[in-house]
Amino acid sequence: MRVQFSVNDEELKRLESYAKEAGYPDISSYCKDEVLRLRTYAELWNKVTTKISEMEKGKTFALRDLIDTPPSNLGVKLYNHQVELGIVVNDKDRTGANTFTKL
């Protein structure tokens, strides 16, 4: 099921600010967790970004190496935030998962 709502420019800026402040990579994830009163996605994202920042340059990894049983949308966020995280996507591994290298 899909849930959508509209916001004006001022509300969008506020949501972007709230999401960033709470450690979310995007507004959609923030809104979902807020409405459902969950904080797990932000915690997972923080764990991923922390592990990447502490990683040695040149190390190759898959998302599952950073957290156990990651949700698929977290993999999409990882892929979409390569530049900010200082990583680059490689070929898929034998299981079909993206692998990345820390730059």
Protein backbone atom coordinates (compact mmCIF):
# COMPACT_ATOMS: atom_id res chain seq x y z
CA MET A 1 0.00 0.00 0.00
CA ARG A 2 1.17 3.50 -0.75
CA VAL A 3 0.44 6.54 1.42
CA GLN A 4 1.04 10.02 0.04
CA PHE A 5 0.48 13.57 1.19
CA SER A 6 1.28 17.04 -0.14
CA VAL A 7 3.26 19.79 1.56
CA ASN A 8 4.05 23.38 0.64
CA ASP A 9 7.60 24.72 0.25
CA GLU A 10 7.87 25.85 3.86
CA GLU A 11 6.68 22.48 5.16
CA LEU A 12 9.12 20.69 2.85
CA LYS A 13 12.02 22.70 4.26
CA ARG A 14 10.90 21.89 7.80
CA LEU A 15 10.62 18.18 7.01
CA GLU A 16 14.07 18.20 5.39
CA SER A 17 15.48 19.88 8.48
CA TYR A 18 13.79 17.42 10.85
CA ALA A 19 14.94 14.42 8.82
CA LYS A 20 18.54 15.62 8.69
CA GLU A 21 18.57 16.48 12.38
CA ALA A 22 17.25 13.01 13.25
CA GLY A 23 19.89 11.34 11.08
CA TYR A 24 17.65 10.18 8.24
CA PRO A 25 18.92 10.13 4.66
CA ASP A 26 15.56 11.31 3.27
CA ILE A 27 12.16 12.71 4.18
CA SER A 28 10.15 9.61 3.27
CA SER A 29 11.96 7.39 5.76
CA TYR A 30 11.69 10.05 8.44
CA CYS A 31 7.95 10.54 7.94
CA LYS A 32 7.23 6.82 7.96
CA ASP A 33 9.15 6.24 11.19
CA GLU A 34 7.56 9.28 12.83
CA VAL A 35 4.05 8.22 11.95
CA LEU A 36 4.64 4.63 13.03
CA ARG A 37 6.67 5.81 16.03
CA LEU A 38 9.70 3.81 14.94
CA ARG A 39 13.30 4.86 15.23
CA THR A 40 14.96 1.76 13.87
CA TYR A 41 15.66 3.04 10.35
CA ALA A 42 17.60 6.05 11.61
CA GLU A 43 19.53 3.83 13.97
CA LEU A 44 20.38 1.41 11.17
CA TRP A 45 21.42 4.25 8.84
CA ASN A 46 23.59 5.75 11.57
CA LYS A 47 25.24 2.37 12.16
CA VAL A 48 25.94 1.98 8.42
CA THR A 49 27.40 5.47 8.00
CA THR A 50 29.53 5.12 11.14
CA LYS A 51 30.98 1.80 10.02
CA ILE A 52 31.75 3.23 6.57
CA SER A 53 33.44 6.30 8.04
CA GLU A 54 35.65 4.07 10.21
CA MET A 55 36.48 1.71 7.34
CA GLU A 56 39.90 1.63 5.70
CA LYS A 57 40.16 3.04 2.17
CA GLY A 58 40.03 0.39 -0.52
CA LYS A 59 37.94 -2.05 1.53
CA THR A 60 35.20 -3.81 -0.43
CA PHE A 61 31.95 -4.63 1.35
CA ALA A 62 28.26 -5.39 0.95
CA LEU A 63 25.54 -3.84 3.09
CA ARG A 64 24.99 -7.18 4.86
CA ASP A 65 28.62 -6.94 6.07
CA LEU A 66 27.68 -3.81 8.01
CA ILE A 67 24.34 -4.88 9.51
CA ASP A 68 22.50 -8.18 9.76
CA THR A 69 19.46 -8.65 7.49
CA PRO A 70 19.30 -5.08 6.18
CA PRO A 71 16.00 -3.84 4.75
CA SER A 72 16.12 -3.45 0.98
CA ASN A 73 15.29 0.26 1.09
CA LEU A 74 18.45 0.79 3.14
CA GLY A 75 20.43 -0.67 0.23
CA VAL A 76 18.78 1.82 -2.10
CA LYS A 77 19.74 4.68 0.24
CA LEU A 78 23.31 3.40 0.37
CA TYR A 79 23.44 3.29 -3.43
CA ASN A 80 21.94 6.79 -3.73
CA HIS A 81 24.36 8.33 -1.20
CA GLN A 82 27.65 7.02 -2.59
CA VAL A 83 29.19 10.47 -3.05
CA GLU A 84 28.34 11.67 0.46
CA LEU A 85 29.64 8.43 1.99
CA GLY A 86 32.84 8.29 -0.06
CA ILE A 87 32.08 4.92 -1.62
CA VAL A 88 31.64 3.56 -5.13
CA VAL A 89 29.46 0.68 -6.29
CA ASN A 90 31.12 -2.37 -7.85
CA ASP A 91 29.68 -5.35 -9.66
CA LYS A 92 27.10 -7.47 -7.87
CA ASP A 93 28.37 -10.41 -5.87
CA ARG A 94 27.37 -14.05 -6.39
CA THR A 95 24.16 -13.50 -4.40
CA GLY A 96 23.12 -10.54 -6.57
CA ALA A 97 23.84 -7.91 -3.92
CA ASN A 98 25.68 -4.70 -4.73
CA THR A 99 29.20 -4.43 -3.37
CA PHE A 100 30.93 -1.15 -2.65
CA THR A 101 34.49 0.06 -2.18
CA LYS A 102 35.47 2.76 0.31
CA LEU A 103 37.34 5.55 -1.47
